[in-house]
Amino acid sequence: MTAFFGAVFIFIGLLDCIVLALMKLVNDTNKLAQAVKRLIETLHDLWKKK
């Protein structure tokens, strides 16, 4: 029984780490998308000024 609870706690701990990693990945992806969008807008503005 104790081993079972230990396994459950380890599983929950791993799940927690995976969820945090995914959230960080999504956050980084959003930042990257925003940076690319800003870059495209800047290039567009420069193109219009020509």
PDB file of N, CA and C in Angstrom:
ATOM      1  N   MET A   1       0.836  -1.203   0.000  1.00  0.00           N
ATOM      2  CA  MET A   1       0.000   0.000   0.000  1.00  0.00           C
ATOM      3  C   MET A   1       0.873   1.257   0.000  1.00  0.00           C
ATOM      4  N   THR A   2       1.909   1.263   0.843  1.00  0.00           N
ATOM      5  CA  THR A   2       2.802   2.423   0.912  1.00  0.00           C
ATOM      6  C   THR A   2       3.502   2.650  -0.428  1.00  0.00           C
ATOM      7  N   ALA A   3       3.904   1.551  -1.062  1.00  0.00           N
ATOM      8  CA  ALA A   3       4.573   1.645  -2.364  1.00  0.00           C
ATOM      9  C   ALA A   3       3.629   2.269  -3.395  1.00  0.00           C
ATOM     10  N   PHE A   4       2.355   1.900  -3.298  1.00  0.00           N
ATOM     11  CA  PHE A   4       1.365   2.445  -4.226  1.00  0.00           C
ATOM     12  C   PHE A   4       1.262   3.954  -4.070  1.00  0.00           C
ATOM     13  N   PHE A   5       1.160   4.415  -2.796  1.00  0.00           N
ATOM     14  CA  PHE A   5       1.079   5.860  -2.558  1.00  0.00           C
ATOM     15  C   PHE A   5       2.351   6.570  -3.008  1.00  0.00           C
ATOM     16  N   GLY A   6       3.473   5.932  -2.804  1.00  0.00           N
ATOM     17  CA  GLY A   6       4.748   6.498  -3.249  1.00  0.00           C
ATOM     18  C   GLY A   6       4.765   6.677  -4.761  1.00  0.00           C
ATOM     19  N   ALA A   7       4.274   5.643  -5.470  1.00  0.00           N
ATOM     20  CA  ALA A   7       4.217   5.707  -6.928  1.00  0.00           C
ATOM     21  C   ALA A   7       3.282   6.825  -7.380  1.00  0.00           C
ATOM     22  N   VAL A   8       2.156   6.976  -6.684  1.00  0.00           N
ATOM     23  CA  VAL A   8       1.199   8.027  -7.038  1.00  0.00           C
ATOM     24  C   VAL A   8       1.822   9.401  -6.852  1.00  0.00           C
ATOM     25  N   PHE A   9       2.524   9.582  -5.720  1.00  0.00           N
ATOM     26  CA  PHE A   9       3.167  10.882  -5.472  1.00  0.00           C
ATOM     27  C   PHE A   9       4.229  11.185  -6.524  1.00  0.00           C
ATOM     28  N   ILE A  10       5.017  10.180  -6.898  1.00  0.00           N
ATOM     29  CA  ILE A  10       6.048  10.365  -7.930  1.00  0.00           C
ATOM     30  C   ILE A  10       5.384  10.737  -9.257  1.00  0.00           C
ATOM     31  N   PHE A  11       4.286  10.028  -9.577  1.00  0.00           N
ATOM     32  CA  PHE A  11       3.561  10.299 -10.821  1.00  0.00           C
ATOM     33  C   PHE A  11       3.044  11.738 -10.837  1.00  0.00           C
ATOM     34  N   ILE A  12       2.447  12.174  -9.720  1.00  0.00           N
ATOM     35  CA  ILE A  12       1.920  13.544  -9.630  1.00  0.00           C
ATOM     36  C   ILE A  12       3.065  14.550  -9.762  1.00  0.00           C
ATOM     37  N   GLY A  13       4.184  14.263  -9.133  1.00  0.00           N
ATOM     38  CA  GLY A  13       5.345  15.146  -9.222  1.00  0.00           C
ATOM     39  C   GLY A  13       5.839  15.287 -10.653  1.00  0.00           C
ATOM     40  N   LEU A  14       5.915  14.149 -11.358  1.00  0.00           N
ATOM     41  CA  LEU A  14       6.350  14.176 -12.758  1.00  0.00           C
ATOM     42  C   LEU A  14       5.361  14.945 -13.616  1.00  0.00           C
ATOM     43  N   LEU A  15       4.073  14.703 -13.370  1.00  0.00           N
ATOM     44  CA  LEU A  15       3.022  15.379 -14.121  1.00  0.00           C
ATOM     45  C   LEU A  15       3.141  16.893 -13.933  1.00  0.00           C
ATOM     46  N   ASP A  16       3.383  17.288 -12.682  1.00  0.00           N
ATOM     47  CA  ASP A  16       3.542  18.701 -12.352  1.00  0.00           C
ATOM     48  C   ASP A  16       4.698  19.307 -13.156  1.00  0.00           C
ATOM     49  N   CYS A  17       5.826  18.598 -13.187  1.00  0.00           N
ATOM     50  CA  CYS A  17       6.995  19.077 -13.944  1.00  0.00           C
ATOM     51  C   CYS A  17       6.668  19.208 -15.426  1.00  0.00           C
ATOM     52  N   ILE A  18       5.948  18.220 -15.967  1.00  0.00           N
ATOM     53  CA  ILE A  18       5.601  18.232 -17.393  1.00  0.00           C
ATOM     54  C   ILE A  18       4.686  19.411 -17.699  1.00  0.00           C
ATOM     55  N   VAL A  19       3.694  19.630 -16.822  1.00  0.00           N
ATOM     56  CA  VAL A  19       2.761  20.743 -17.027  1.00  0.00           C
ATOM     57  C   VAL A  19       3.513  22.072 -16.996  1.00  0.00           C
ATOM     58  N   LEU A  20       4.404  22.240 -16.020  1.00  0.00           N
ATOM     59  CA  LEU A  20       5.181  23.479 -15.922  1.00  0.00           C
ATOM     60  C   LEU A  20       6.044  23.679 -17.163  1.00  0.00           C
ATOM     61  N   ALA A  21       6.676  22.603 -17.632  1.00  0.00           N
ATOM     62  CA  ALA A  21       7.518  22.683 -18.824  1.00  0.00           C
ATOM     63  C   ALA A  21       6.684  23.082 -20.043  1.00  0.00           C
ATOM     64  N   LEU A  22       5.481  22.493 -20.165  1.00  0.00           N
ATOM     65  CA  LEU A  22       4.606  22.829 -21.288  1.00  0.00           C
ATOM     66  C   LEU A  22       4.175  24.289 -21.226  1.00  0.00           C
ATOM     67  N   MET A  23       3.835  24.763 -20.020  1.00  0.00           N
ATOM     68  CA  MET A  23       3.417  26.156 -19.865  1.00  0.00           C
ATOM     69  C   MET A  23       4.552  27.093 -20.259  1.00  0.00           C
ATOM     70  N   LYS A  24       5.775  26.744 -19.850  1.00  0.00           N
ATOM     71  CA  LYS A  24       6.940  27.566 -20.194  1.00  0.00           C
ATOM     72  C   LYS A  24       7.144  27.564 -21.705  1.00  0.00           C
ATOM     73  N   LEU A  25       6.998  26.395 -22.318  1.00  0.00           N
ATOM     74  CA  LEU A  25       7.162  26.262 -23.769  1.00  0.00           C
ATOM     75  C   LEU A  25       6.141  27.123 -24.511  1.00  0.00           C
ATOM     76  N   VAL A  26       4.879  27.058 -24.056  1.00  0.00           N
ATOM     77  CA  VAL A  26       3.823  27.846 -24.689  1.00  0.00           C
ATOM     78  C   VAL A  26       4.123  29.335 -24.536  1.00  0.00           C
ATOM     79  N   ASN A  27       4.567  29.731 -23.337  1.00  0.00           N
ATOM     80  CA  ASN A  27       4.912  31.128 -23.070  1.00  0.00           C
ATOM     81  C   ASN A  27       6.041  31.581 -23.995  1.00  0.00           C
ATOM     82  N   ASP A  28       7.078  30.765 -24.123  1.00  0.00           N
ATOM     83  CA  ASP A  28       8.206  31.094 -25.000  1.00  0.00           C
ATOM     84  C   ASP A  28       7.751  31.195 -26.451  1.00  0.00           C
ATOM     85  N   THR A  29       6.868  30.290 -26.857  1.00  0.00           N
ATOM     86  CA  THR A  29       6.360  30.303 -28.229  1.00  0.00           C
ATOM     87  C   THR A  29       5.578  31.584 -28.495  1.00  0.00           C
ATOM     88  N   ASN A  30       4.764  32.003 -27.516  1.00  0.00           N
ATOM     89  CA  ASN A  30       4.000  33.243 -27.661  1.00  0.00           C
ATOM     90  C   ASN A  30       4.934  34.437 -27.786  1.00  0.00           C
ATOM     91  N   LYS A  31       5.996  34.460 -26.953  1.00  0.00           N
ATOM     92  CA  LYS A  31       6.965  35.562 -27.022  1.00  0.00           C
ATOM     93  C   LYS A  31       7.636  35.593 -28.381  1.00  0.00           C
ATOM     94  N   LEU A  32       7.996  34.410 -28.875  1.00  0.00           N
ATOM     95  CA  LEU A  32       8.644  34.300 -30.180  1.00  0.00           C
ATOM     96  C   LEU A  32       7.705  34.810 -31.272  1.00  0.00           C
ATOM     97  N   ALA A  33       6.436  34.410 -31.204  1.00  0.00           N
ATOM     98  CA  ALA A  33       5.448  34.844 -32.203  1.00  0.00           C
ATOM     99  C   ALA A  33       5.299  36.361 -32.176  1.00  0.00           C
ATOM    100  N   GLN A  34       5.261  36.946 -30.975  1.00  0.00           N
ATOM    101  CA  GLN A  34       5.137  38.399 -30.861  1.00  0.00           C
ATOM    102  C   GLN A  34       6.369  39.100 -31.426  1.00  0.00           C
ATOM    103  N   ALA A  35       7.541  38.539 -31.164  1.00  0.00           N
ATOM    104  CA  ALA A  35       8.776  39.130 -31.674  1.00  0.00           C
ATOM    105  C   ALA A  35       8.791  39.097 -33.207  1.00  0.00           C
ATOM    106  N   VAL A  36       8.381  37.962 -33.780  1.00  0.00           N
ATOM    107  CA  VAL A  36       8.338  37.836 -35.241  1.00  0.00           C
ATOM    108  C   VAL A  36       7.336  38.828 -35.822  1.00  0.00           C
ATOM    109  N   LYS A  37       6.177  38.965 -35.162  1.00  0.00           N
ATOM    110  CA  LYS A  37       5.150  39.890 -35.623  1.00  0.00           C
ATOM    111  C   LYS A  37       5.675  41.328 -35.620  1.00  0.00           C
ATOM    112  N   ARG A  38       6.377  41.698 -34.538  1.00  0.00           N
ATOM    113  CA  ARG A  38       6.971  43.051 -34.448  1.00  0.00           C
ATOM    114  C   ARG A  38       7.990  43.255 -35.551  1.00  0.00           C
ATOM    115  N   LEU A  39       8.800  42.228 -35.789  1.00  0.00           N
ATOM    116  CA  LEU A  39       9.821  42.309 -36.823  1.00  0.00           C
ATOM    117  C   LEU A  39       9.174  42.533 -38.189  1.00  0.00           C
ATOM    118  N   ILE A  40       8.110  41.785 -38.472  1.00  0.00           N
ATOM    119  CA  ILE A  40       7.413  41.931 -39.761  1.00  0.00           C
ATOM    120  C   ILE A  40       6.809  43.328 -39.878  1.00  0.00           C
ATOM    121  N   GLU A  41       6.205  43.830 -38.799  1.00  0.00           N
ATOM    122  CA  GLU A  41       5.622  45.172 -38.825  1.00  0.00           C
ATOM    123  C   GLU A  41       6.701  46.227 -39.074  1.00  0.00           C
ATOM    124  N   THR A  42       7.852  46.058 -38.435  1.00  0.00           N
ATOM    125  CA  THR A  42       8.956  47.002 -38.623  1.00  0.00           C
ATOM    126  C   THR A  42       9.427  46.991 -40.073  1.00  0.00           C
ATOM    127  N   LEU A  43       9.591  45.787 -40.629  1.00  0.00           N
ATOM    128  CA  LEU A  43      10.023  45.672 -42.023  1.00  0.00           C
ATOM    129  C   LEU A  43       8.986  46.296 -42.953  1.00  0.00           C
ATOM    130  N   HIS A  44       7.707  46.093 -42.632  1.00  0.00           N
ATOM    131  CA  HIS A  44       6.620  46.642 -43.430  1.00  0.00           C
ATOM    132  C   HIS A  44       6.682  48.166 -43.413  1.00  0.00           C
ATOM    133  N   ASP A  45       6.905  48.757 -42.222  1.00  0.00           N
ATOM    134  CA  ASP A  45       7.011  50.208 -42.100  1.00  0.00           C
ATOM    135  C   ASP A  45       8.200  50.726 -42.907  1.00  0.00           C
ATOM    136  N   LEU A  46       9.328  50.024 -42.806  1.00  0.00           N
ATOM    137  CA  LEU A  46      10.514  50.440 -43.559  1.00  0.00           C
ATOM    138  C   LEU A  46      10.237  50.374 -45.068  1.00  0.00           C
ATOM    139  N   TRP A  47       9.527  49.332 -45.480  1.00  0.00           N
ATOM    140  CA  TRP A  47       9.220  49.138 -46.886  1.00  0.00           C
ATOM    141  C   TRP A  47       8.338  50.292 -47.388  1.00  0.00           C
ATOM    142  N   LYS A  48       7.361  50.708 -46.558  1.00  0.00           N
ATOM    143  CA  LYS A  48       6.459  51.795 -46.936  1.00  0.00           C
ATOM    144  C   LYS A  48       7.200  53.114 -47.074  1.00  0.00           C
ATOM    145  N   LYS A  49       8.244  53.314 -46.251  1.00  0.00           N
ATOM    146  CA  LYS A  49       8.986  54.591 -46.269  1.00  0.00           C
ATOM    147  C   LYS A  49       9.821  54.737 -47.529  1.00  0.00           C
ATOM    148  N   LYS A  50      10.139  53.639 -48.188  1.00  0.00           N
ATOM    149  CA  LYS A  50      10.976  53.708 -49.395  1.00  0.00           C
ATOM    150  C   LYS A  50      10.308  54.477 -50.513  1.00  0.00           C
TER     151      LYS A  50
END
